[in-house]
Amino acid sequence: MTCDSPRGPDTKTVSGGASASGAAVGVAASRRLGREFGKLWTASSTSAIGDGISLTAAPLIASTLTDDPRLIAGVTMALTLPYALFGIPAGVLADRVDLRRSMARIDFFRGGLVLMFALSVAFGWAGLGVMYGCFFLIGTCETFFRNASQILVPSVVADDRLVDANGRLLGAQTAANQFVGPLVGSALFVLAPAVPFGLDSVTFFVSAVLLTRLRTTTPHDRVAPAERPGLLADMTTGARWLMRHRLLRNLSLTAGAINLVYTGSLAVLVVYAHKVLGLGDLGYGVLLACQAIGAVAAAKLSPLLVRRIGGEWTLVCVVTTMAVGDAVIWQTSTAWVVGFALALGACASITWDVVVVVLRQTIIPPSLQGRVNSIYRLFAWGAMPVGAGLAGVVSKGLGATAVYGLGAGIMAAVAVRLVIGARRHWFADAQAQKL
């Protein structure tokens, strides 16, 4: 899971199938936040299970092909590199196309891609090169999909309910992605390595169908096709807007530092679990599942915390908690303590997303959401492949525990920076500018 991510490193934010229990909870959610939000919640929560299954099995396959942490971390690098390469064009396209139709086509493509990868695993063709190529393409699709999905949330929920809606959506996605998914994925991997990916491909196909059933409002100020400037001009417009907005500019750089640490820590977690904690493949899945406890807590805690102490000081608490979590993992080799630290980190990450995503949804003009968000993510997500690569190098040279020690130091420095911003009333100034 990363900052400004409905997930972990990757969930299908507006997608998935519906189980009986998921539908029941979705109906309950819809009574409070609207029927369309209930559809979105049910679909995305169920779909996140498929991603959790696949993203748990991928490092396990890589660890059977090599014991070099740099090559294992390469899977995460391949998945996140497109965020830096294609983030800006994806944001421009998100402001130009029919979002639901484009997202459905992407999910059909990803479903076919993951299905082919599952077959390659089943027949023994899936080497590291095949894995890198497959996950690079998945990440490329996800770059557009994530941008588009966040733009849709304000189209199904009123502005004054965005904190609650994003909290429930992100919390449920993470619980499915990092609790049910890892447990099922690690168990299915033990049964047969290809099965987790086959199941994930099904969720992509179901997602594509359900996207056509979601009814959203269309922003009234989208630029008509005949009036649109060129792609380069569109990119420049988004960059200028973000660079002039002090708060969002600073938050994008801060999110980059956080994602550098968080992605790196997850990229070598399988190595840490096997070599330091002595866990097997199923134990690794259980360790990942511990994050869901924090995600569920965040869904309830984050709106209360924001209302009690404000968004600025909530972010200070978030990053301080992340620093403490990394320090705990650095200093211990007890599995249950590490699981508790991962739960803390997940709770903090979801809370960050709730605060910052809502801030962007309310401050950025609707017609610029895609373009400005793409520039924001260039800084925030562009650090992810760098973090994965650096973590692999550090783990190879100094051991996996060193990754978490360095992460704790970086997070402590970021927390100090956020304290300075909170004392200067960043959020209040931003709201005043908007008014």
Protein backbone atom coordinates (compact mmCIF):
# COMPACT_ATOMS: atom_id res chain seq x y z
CA MET A 1 0.00 0.00 0.00
CA THR A 2 1.17 3.45 -0.82
CA CYS A 3 0.22 7.00 0.00
CA ASP A 4 -2.51 8.15 -2.38
CA SER A 5 -3.35 4.69 -3.31
CA PRO A 6 -6.54 2.99 -2.74
CA ARG A 7 -4.13 0.13 -1.93
CA GLY A 8 -1.82 -0.97 -1.62
CA PRO A 9 0.38 -1.00 -4.25
CA ASP A 10 -2.53 -1.78 -6.46
CA THR A 11 -6.21 -2.32 -6.25
CA LYS A 12 -8.92 -2.04 -8.85
CA THR A 13 -10.58 0.95 -7.29
CA VAL A 14 -13.81 0.84 -9.26
CA SER A 15 -14.18 -2.78 -10.13
CA GLY A 16 -14.82 -6.30 -9.09
CA GLY A 17 -17.61 -8.78 -8.47
CA ALA A 18 -20.21 -8.99 -5.72
CA SER A 19 -20.45 -11.65 -3.10
CA ALA A 20 -23.55 -12.11 -0.94
CA SER A 21 -21.92 -10.67 2.16
CA GLY A 22 -20.27 -7.87 0.20
CA ALA A 23 -23.58 -6.92 -1.36
CA ALA A 24 -25.23 -6.78 2.04
CA VAL A 25 -22.61 -4.43 3.41
CA GLY A 26 -22.71 -2.42 0.22
CA VAL A 27 -26.46 -1.93 0.62
CA ALA A 28 -25.90 -0.74 4.18
CA ALA A 29 -23.28 1.72 2.95
CA SER A 30 -25.58 2.97 0.22
CA ARG A 31 -28.26 3.93 2.75
CA ARG A 32 -25.87 6.44 4.24
CA LEU A 33 -23.91 7.60 1.21
CA GLY A 34 -26.22 6.83 -1.68
CA ARG A 35 -27.07 3.86 -3.85
CA GLU A 36 -24.34 4.49 -6.41
CA PHE A 37 -21.72 4.62 -3.68
CA GLY A 38 -23.07 1.29 -2.44
CA LYS A 39 -22.40 -0.19 -5.89
CA LEU A 40 -18.93 1.31 -5.98
CA TRP A 41 -18.10 0.08 -2.47
CA THR A 42 -19.32 -3.46 -3.10
CA ALA A 43 -17.58 -3.78 -6.46
CA SER A 44 -14.24 -2.34 -5.39
CA SER A 45 -14.09 -4.24 -2.09
CA THR A 46 -14.74 -7.61 -3.70
CA SER A 47 -12.37 -6.89 -6.56
CA ALA A 48 -9.56 -5.95 -4.18
CA ILE A 49 -9.49 -9.55 -3.00
CA GLY A 50 -8.33 -10.64 -6.46
CA ASP A 51 -5.50 -8.13 -6.50
CA GLY A 52 -4.41 -9.15 -3.01
CA ILE A 53 -4.25 -12.77 -4.14
CA SER A 54 -2.13 -11.98 -7.19
CA LEU A 55 0.18 -9.47 -5.53
CA THR A 56 0.92 -11.95 -2.74
CA ALA A 57 1.73 -14.76 -5.13
CA ALA A 58 4.05 -12.70 -7.37
CA PRO A 59 6.92 -12.22 -4.85
CA LEU A 60 6.56 -15.86 -3.84
CA ILE A 61 7.12 -16.96 -7.43
CA ALA A 62 10.07 -14.58 -7.74
CA SER A 63 11.60 -16.01 -4.56
CA THR A 64 11.49 -19.49 -6.09
CA LEU A 65 13.38 -18.26 -9.14
CA THR A 66 16.13 -16.34 -7.31
CA ASP A 67 17.35 -15.52 -3.83
CA ASP A 68 18.77 -12.14 -4.89
CA PRO A 69 16.67 -9.44 -3.18
CA ARG A 70 17.47 -7.01 -5.98
CA LEU A 71 15.81 -9.27 -8.54
CA ILE A 72 12.87 -9.98 -6.26
CA ALA A 73 12.38 -6.24 -5.72
CA GLY A 74 12.47 -5.93 -9.51
CA VAL A 75 8.88 -7.21 -9.63
CA THR A 76 7.75 -4.17 -7.63
CA MET A 77 9.93 -1.91 -9.76
CA ALA A 78 8.34 -3.24 -12.95
CA LEU A 79 4.87 -2.67 -11.52
CA THR A 80 5.51 0.90 -10.33
CA LEU A 81 7.83 2.26 -13.05
CA PRO A 82 4.91 3.18 -15.36
CA TYR A 83 3.60 5.52 -12.65
CA ALA A 84 6.60 7.74 -13.32
CA LEU A 85 6.79 7.18 -17.09
CA PHE A 86 3.13 7.53 -18.05
CA GLY A 87 1.50 9.38 -15.15
CA ILE A 88 1.23 12.74 -16.91
CA PRO A 89 -0.23 11.46 -20.22
CA ALA A 90 -2.67 9.33 -18.22
CA GLY A 91 -3.90 12.42 -16.37
CA VAL A 92 -4.44 14.32 -19.61
CA LEU A 93 -6.41 11.42 -21.08
CA ALA A 94 -8.55 11.18 -17.94
CA ASP A 95 -9.82 14.70 -18.61
CA ARG A 96 -10.63 13.85 -22.24
CA VAL A 97 -12.28 10.43 -22.43
CA ASP A 98 -15.36 8.62 -21.18
CA LEU A 99 -13.97 7.30 -17.91
CA ARG A 100 -16.19 4.30 -17.29
CA ARG A 101 -15.93 3.00 -20.86
CA SER A 102 -12.15 3.43 -20.93
CA MET A 103 -11.75 1.79 -17.54
CA ALA A 104 -13.86 -1.17 -18.66
CA ARG A 105 -11.67 -1.67 -21.73
CA ILE A 106 -8.56 -1.53 -19.55
CA ASP A 107 -9.94 -4.21 -17.27
CA PHE A 108 -10.75 -6.49 -20.20
CA PHE A 109 -7.15 -6.11 -21.34
CA ARG A 110 -5.73 -6.70 -17.85
CA GLY A 111 -7.94 -9.74 -17.40
CA GLY A 112 -6.60 -11.29 -20.58
CA LEU A 113 -3.03 -10.36 -19.66
CA VAL A 114 -3.19 -11.93 -16.20
CA LEU A 115 -4.90 -15.00 -17.64
CA MET A 116 -2.02 -15.47 -20.08
CA PHE A 117 0.45 -15.06 -17.24
CA ALA A 118 -1.41 -17.70 -15.23
CA LEU A 119 -1.12 -20.09 -18.17
CA SER A 120 2.60 -19.34 -18.51
CA VAL A 121 3.05 -20.17 -14.82
CA ALA A 122 1.06 -23.39 -15.21
CA PHE A 123 3.22 -24.54 -18.14
CA GLY A 124 6.52 -23.44 -16.60
CA TRP A 125 7.23 -20.55 -18.98
CA ALA A 126 7.15 -17.76 -16.38
CA GLY A 127 10.73 -16.64 -15.83
CA LEU A 128 11.71 -13.31 -14.28
CA GLY A 129 11.64 -11.59 -17.67
CA VAL A 130 8.05 -12.67 -18.27
CA MET A 131 7.08 -11.48 -14.79
CA TYR A 132 8.70 -8.09 -15.28
CA GLY A 133 6.98 -7.62 -18.65
CA CYS A 134 3.56 -8.66 -17.36
CA PHE A 135 3.66 -6.46 -14.29
CA PHE A 136 5.01 -3.50 -16.28
CA LEU A 137 1.94 -3.69 -18.54
CA ILE A 138 -0.37 -4.06 -15.54
CA GLY A 139 1.23 -1.00 -13.94
CA THR A 140 0.83 0.96 -17.19
CA CYS A 141 -2.90 0.24 -17.21
CA GLU A 142 -3.17 0.99 -13.49
CA THR A 143 -1.61 4.41 -14.03
CA PHE A 144 -4.66 5.56 -15.98
CA PHE A 145 -7.13 3.48 -13.99
CA ARG A 146 -6.23 4.94 -10.60
CA ASN A 147 -6.34 8.50 -11.84
CA ALA A 148 -9.74 7.96 -13.42
CA SER A 149 -11.21 6.13 -10.44
CA GLN A 150 -10.49 8.94 -7.98
CA ILE A 151 -12.15 11.43 -10.31
CA LEU A 152 -15.32 9.30 -10.18
CA VAL A 153 -15.72 9.38 -6.39
CA PRO A 154 -17.07 12.97 -6.21
CA SER A 155 -19.50 11.98 -8.98
CA VAL A 156 -21.32 9.52 -6.69
CA VAL A 157 -20.97 11.27 -3.30
CA ALA A 158 -21.74 14.82 -2.15
CA ASP A 159 -18.79 17.03 -1.22
CA ASP A 160 -19.68 17.07 2.48
CA ARG A 161 -19.52 13.26 2.63
CA LEU A 162 -16.18 12.76 0.84
CA VAL A 163 -14.20 12.13 4.04
CA ASP A 164 -16.58 9.38 5.13
CA ALA A 165 -16.86 7.91 1.64
CA ASN A 166 -13.13 7.78 0.99
CA GLY A 167 -12.48 6.40 4.48
CA ARG A 168 -14.94 3.55 4.02
CA LEU A 169 -13.86 2.83 0.47
CA LEU A 170 -10.14 2.79 1.20
CA GLY A 171 -10.53 0.87 4.43
CA ALA A 172 -12.68 -1.84 2.83
CA GLN A 173 -10.35 -2.13 -0.16
CA THR A 174 -7.32 -2.54 2.04
CA ALA A 175 -9.01 -5.10 4.27
CA ALA A 176 -9.92 -7.15 1.20
CA ASN A 177 -6.60 -6.56 -0.54
CA GLN A 178 -4.33 -7.15 2.43
CA PHE A 179 -6.26 -9.57 4.62
CA VAL A 180 -8.46 -11.89 2.58
CA GLY A 181 -6.27 -11.62 -0.54
CA PRO A 182 -2.93 -12.53 1.08
CA LEU A 183 -4.40 -15.40 3.07
CA VAL A 184 -6.14 -16.87 0.02
CA GLY A 185 -3.22 -16.08 -2.29
CA SER A 186 -0.59 -17.75 -0.13
CA ALA A 187 -2.82 -20.79 0.43
CA LEU A 188 -3.60 -21.13 -3.30
CA PHE A 189 0.08 -20.67 -4.15
CA VAL A 190 0.92 -23.68 -1.99
CA LEU A 191 -1.77 -25.61 -3.86
CA ALA A 192 -0.70 -24.51 -7.35
CA PRO A 193 1.27 -21.34 -8.28
CA ALA A 194 -0.90 -20.55 -11.31
CA VAL A 195 -4.25 -20.58 -9.51
CA PRO A 196 -3.94 -17.16 -7.76
CA PHE A 197 -3.38 -15.39 -11.07
CA GLY A 198 -6.23 -17.22 -12.76
CA LEU A 199 -8.58 -16.07 -10.02
CA ASP A 200 -7.36 -12.48 -10.30
CA SER A 201 -8.04 -12.50 -14.05
CA VAL A 202 -11.67 -13.36 -13.31
CA THR A 203 -12.01 -10.27 -11.09
CA PHE A 204 -10.76 -8.06 -13.92
CA PHE A 205 -13.38 -9.45 -16.32
CA VAL A 206 -16.16 -9.03 -13.74
CA SER A 207 -14.92 -5.51 -13.09
CA ALA A 208 -15.23 -4.57 -16.74
CA VAL A 209 -18.88 -5.62 -16.77
CA LEU A 210 -19.77 -3.85 -13.51
CA LEU A 211 -18.20 -0.58 -14.58
CA THR A 212 -20.90 -0.18 -17.23
CA ARG A 213 -23.58 -0.33 -14.50
CA LEU A 214 -22.24 2.50 -12.36
CA ARG A 215 -24.14 5.76 -12.89
CA THR A 216 -22.20 8.94 -12.23
CA THR A 217 -22.71 12.64 -12.69
CA THR A 218 -20.59 14.32 -15.36
CA PRO A 219 -18.57 17.41 -14.37
CA HIS A 220 -20.31 20.38 -15.93
CA ASP A 221 -17.12 22.19 -16.88
CA ARG A 222 -15.24 19.56 -18.86
CA VAL A 223 -13.74 21.11 -21.97
CA ALA A 224 -15.59 20.27 -25.16
CA PRO A 225 -13.58 18.25 -27.73
CA ALA A 226 -13.50 21.10 -30.22
CA GLU A 227 -12.09 23.49 -27.61
CA ARG A 228 -9.34 21.25 -26.26
CA PRO A 229 -5.70 22.35 -26.59
CA GLY A 230 -2.94 19.97 -27.61
CA LEU A 231 -1.58 17.26 -25.33
CA LEU A 232 1.56 19.23 -24.48
CA ALA A 233 -0.46 22.32 -23.60
CA ASP A 234 -2.71 20.21 -21.38
CA MET A 235 0.29 18.79 -19.54
CA THR A 236 1.70 22.27 -19.03
CA THR A 237 -1.62 23.53 -17.66
CA GLY A 238 -1.69 20.85 -14.97
CA ALA A 239 1.96 21.42 -14.05
CA ARG A 240 1.51 25.19 -13.73
CA TRP A 241 -1.54 24.81 -11.51
CA LEU A 242 0.20 22.43 -9.11
CA MET A 243 3.45 24.41 -8.97
CA ARG A 244 1.48 27.52 -8.00
CA HIS A 245 -0.38 25.72 -5.23
CA ARG A 246 1.99 25.66 -2.27
CA LEU A 247 0.18 23.08 -0.16
CA LEU A 248 -0.40 20.44 -2.83
CA ARG A 249 3.09 20.96 -4.22
CA ASN A 250 4.62 20.29 -0.82
CA LEU A 251 2.33 17.34 -0.16
CA SER A 252 3.29 15.74 -3.47
CA LEU A 253 6.97 15.86 -2.54
CA THR A 254 6.19 14.57 0.95
CA ALA A 255 4.16 11.70 -0.50
CA GLY A 256 7.14 10.87 -2.71
CA ALA A 257 9.39 10.51 0.32
CA ILE A 258 6.82 8.35 2.09
CA ASN A 259 6.30 6.11 -0.94
CA LEU A 260 10.06 5.74 -1.35
CA VAL A 261 10.18 4.18 2.12
CA TYR A 262 6.89 2.30 2.07
CA THR A 263 7.36 0.67 -1.33
CA GLY A 264 10.91 -0.30 -0.45
CA SER A 265 9.83 -1.94 2.78
CA LEU A 266 7.16 -3.99 1.03
CA ALA A 267 9.47 -4.92 -1.86
CA VAL A 268 11.83 -6.82 0.46
CA LEU A 269 9.23 -8.01 2.97
CA VAL A 270 9.22 -11.52 1.53
CA VAL A 271 13.00 -11.68 2.01
CA TYR A 272 12.68 -10.35 5.57
CA ALA A 273 9.90 -12.83 6.36
CA HIS A 274 11.85 -15.82 5.06
CA LYS A 275 15.36 -15.01 6.26
CA VAL A 276 14.86 -12.95 9.44
CA LEU A 277 11.55 -14.20 10.80
CA GLY A 278 11.90 -17.75 9.46
CA LEU A 279 8.35 -17.81 8.06
CA GLY A 280 7.18 -19.97 5.18
CA ASP A 281 5.03 -18.91 2.24
CA LEU A 282 1.77 -19.12 4.20
CA GLY A 283 3.34 -17.25 7.11
CA TYR A 284 4.30 -14.47 4.71
CA GLY A 285 0.66 -14.24 3.61
CA VAL A 286 -0.49 -14.03 7.23
CA LEU A 287 2.07 -11.29 7.85
CA LEU A 288 0.68 -9.24 4.97
CA ALA A 289 -2.83 -9.86 6.22
CA CYS A 290 -1.99 -8.10 9.49
CA GLN A 291 -2.17 -4.82 7.59
CA ALA A 292 -5.92 -5.26 7.20
CA ILE A 293 -6.39 -4.73 10.94
CA GLY A 294 -4.94 -1.25 10.61
CA ALA A 295 -6.94 -0.56 7.46
CA VAL A 296 -10.23 -1.41 9.15
CA ALA A 297 -9.28 0.78 12.10
CA ALA A 298 -8.41 3.64 9.76
CA ALA A 299 -11.84 3.55 8.10
CA LYS A 300 -13.39 4.43 11.46
CA LEU A 301 -10.55 6.45 12.96
CA SER A 302 -9.56 8.77 10.12
CA PRO A 303 -12.80 10.82 9.88
CA LEU A 304 -12.88 11.20 13.67
CA LEU A 305 -9.24 12.22 13.82
CA VAL A 306 -9.63 14.79 11.06
CA ARG A 307 -12.62 16.35 12.81
CA ARG A 308 -10.89 16.33 16.19
CA ILE A 309 -7.41 17.70 15.37
CA GLY A 310 -7.67 18.81 11.74
CA GLY A 311 -6.04 17.53 8.58
CA GLU A 312 -2.64 19.11 9.21
CA TRP A 313 -1.99 17.47 12.56
CA THR A 314 -3.56 14.23 11.36
CA LEU A 315 -0.80 13.98 8.75
CA VAL A 316 1.82 14.61 11.45
CA CYS A 317 0.39 11.69 13.45
CA VAL A 318 0.35 9.55 10.31
CA VAL A 319 4.03 9.96 9.46
CA THR A 320 5.12 9.67 13.08
CA THR A 321 3.27 6.36 13.28
CA MET A 322 5.02 5.16 10.11
CA ALA A 323 8.40 6.04 11.62
CA VAL A 324 7.57 4.10 14.79
CA GLY A 325 6.41 1.09 12.76
CA ASP A 326 9.62 0.92 10.74
CA ALA A 327 11.71 1.33 13.89
CA VAL A 328 9.88 -1.56 15.54
CA ILE A 329 10.48 -3.86 12.55
CA TRP A 330 14.14 -2.78 12.50
CA GLN A 331 14.65 -3.70 16.14
CA THR A 332 12.72 -6.97 16.45
CA SER A 333 12.65 -10.44 14.94
CA THR A 334 9.36 -11.54 16.52
CA ALA A 335 6.68 -12.22 13.92
CA TRP A 336 3.67 -11.01 15.92
CA VAL A 337 5.41 -7.74 16.78
CA VAL A 338 6.22 -7.19 13.11
CA GLY A 339 2.59 -7.91 12.26
CA PHE A 340 1.50 -5.26 14.75
CA ALA A 341 3.93 -2.75 13.22
CA LEU A 342 2.58 -3.49 9.73
CA ALA A 343 -0.95 -2.90 11.02
CA LEU A 344 0.14 0.49 12.37
CA GLY A 345 1.67 1.39 9.03
CA ALA A 346 -1.47 0.40 7.13
CA CYS A 347 -3.67 2.45 9.45
CA ALA A 348 -1.41 5.46 8.93
CA SER A 349 -1.25 5.03 5.15
CA ILE A 350 -5.03 4.81 4.76
CA THR A 351 -5.49 7.89 6.97
CA TRP A 352 -3.02 9.84 4.81
CA ASP A 353 -4.98 8.87 1.69
CA VAL A 354 -8.29 9.91 3.19
CA VAL A 355 -6.98 13.36 4.14
CA VAL A 356 -5.02 14.13 0.99
CA VAL A 357 -7.37 12.60 -1.59
CA VAL A 358 -10.32 14.53 -0.17
CA LEU A 359 -8.22 17.68 -0.15
CA ARG A 360 -7.39 17.26 -3.84
CA GLN A 361 -10.97 16.37 -4.75
CA THR A 362 -12.25 19.58 -3.18
CA ILE A 363 -9.47 22.04 -4.09
CA ILE A 364 -8.60 21.11 -7.68
CA PRO A 365 -11.17 22.37 -10.25
CA PRO A 366 -13.15 19.44 -11.74
CA SER A 367 -11.97 20.22 -15.27
CA LEU A 368 -8.33 19.94 -14.12
CA GLN A 369 -8.58 16.90 -11.85
CA GLY A 370 -6.90 14.47 -14.23
CA ARG A 371 -4.07 16.76 -15.29
CA VAL A 372 -3.19 18.12 -11.85
CA ASN A 373 -3.47 14.70 -10.23
CA SER A 374 -1.12 13.28 -12.85
CA ILE A 375 1.58 15.84 -12.00
CA TYR A 376 1.01 15.23 -8.30
CA ARG A 377 1.45 11.50 -8.83
CA LEU A 378 4.59 12.04 -10.89
CA PHE A 379 6.25 13.17 -7.67
CA ALA A 380 4.33 10.87 -5.33
CA TRP A 381 4.43 7.67 -7.38
CA GLY A 382 7.65 8.33 -9.26
CA ALA A 383 9.53 7.54 -6.06
CA MET A 384 8.02 4.05 -5.83
CA PRO A 385 10.26 2.20 -8.33
CA VAL A 386 13.24 4.07 -6.89
CA GLY A 387 12.32 2.91 -3.40
CA ALA A 388 11.94 -0.70 -4.53
CA GLY A 389 15.29 -0.65 -6.32
CA LEU A 390 17.13 0.99 -3.43
CA ALA A 391 15.60 -1.45 -0.96
CA GLY A 392 16.86 -4.37 -3.02
CA VAL A 393 20.39 -2.92 -3.09
CA VAL A 394 20.40 -2.14 0.65
CA SER A 395 19.01 -5.56 1.49
CA LYS A 396 21.68 -7.26 -0.61
CA GLY A 397 24.52 -5.28 0.97
CA LEU A 398 23.39 -4.70 4.56
CA GLY A 399 20.54 -7.13 5.13
CA ALA A 400 16.77 -6.70 5.00
CA THR A 401 16.54 -5.19 8.50
CA ALA A 402 18.65 -2.22 7.39
CA VAL A 403 15.89 -1.20 4.98
CA TYR A 404 13.53 -0.60 7.91
CA GLY A 405 16.14 1.24 9.96
CA LEU A 406 16.77 3.69 7.12
CA GLY A 407 13.04 4.01 6.58
CA ALA A 408 12.47 4.99 10.20
CA GLY A 409 15.04 7.76 9.89
CA ILE A 410 13.52 9.17 6.71
CA MET A 411 10.01 9.10 8.18
CA ALA A 412 11.19 10.93 11.30
CA ALA A 413 12.64 13.69 9.11
CA VAL A 414 9.38 13.92 7.13
CA ALA A 415 7.40 14.18 10.38
CA VAL A 416 9.48 17.19 11.44
CA ARG A 417 8.76 18.85 8.09
CA LEU A 418 5.03 18.28 8.52
CA VAL A 419 5.10 19.77 12.01
CA ILE A 420 6.53 22.96 10.52
CA GLY A 421 3.77 23.01 7.90
CA ALA A 422 1.05 22.40 10.49
CA ARG A 423 2.31 25.27 12.63
CA ARG A 424 2.09 27.49 9.54
CA HIS A 425 -1.54 26.44 8.95
CA TRP A 426 -1.08 24.99 5.45
CA PHE A 427 -4.64 23.73 5.17
CA ALA A 428 -6.29 26.91 6.38
CA ASP A 429 -4.29 28.96 3.89
CA ALA A 430 -5.26 26.61 1.05
CA GLN A 431 -8.95 26.87 1.91
CA ALA A 432 -8.67 30.64 2.05
CA GLN A 433 -7.11 30.67 -1.44
CA LYS A 434 -9.97 28.53 -2.74
CA LEU A 435 -12.54 30.91 -1.33
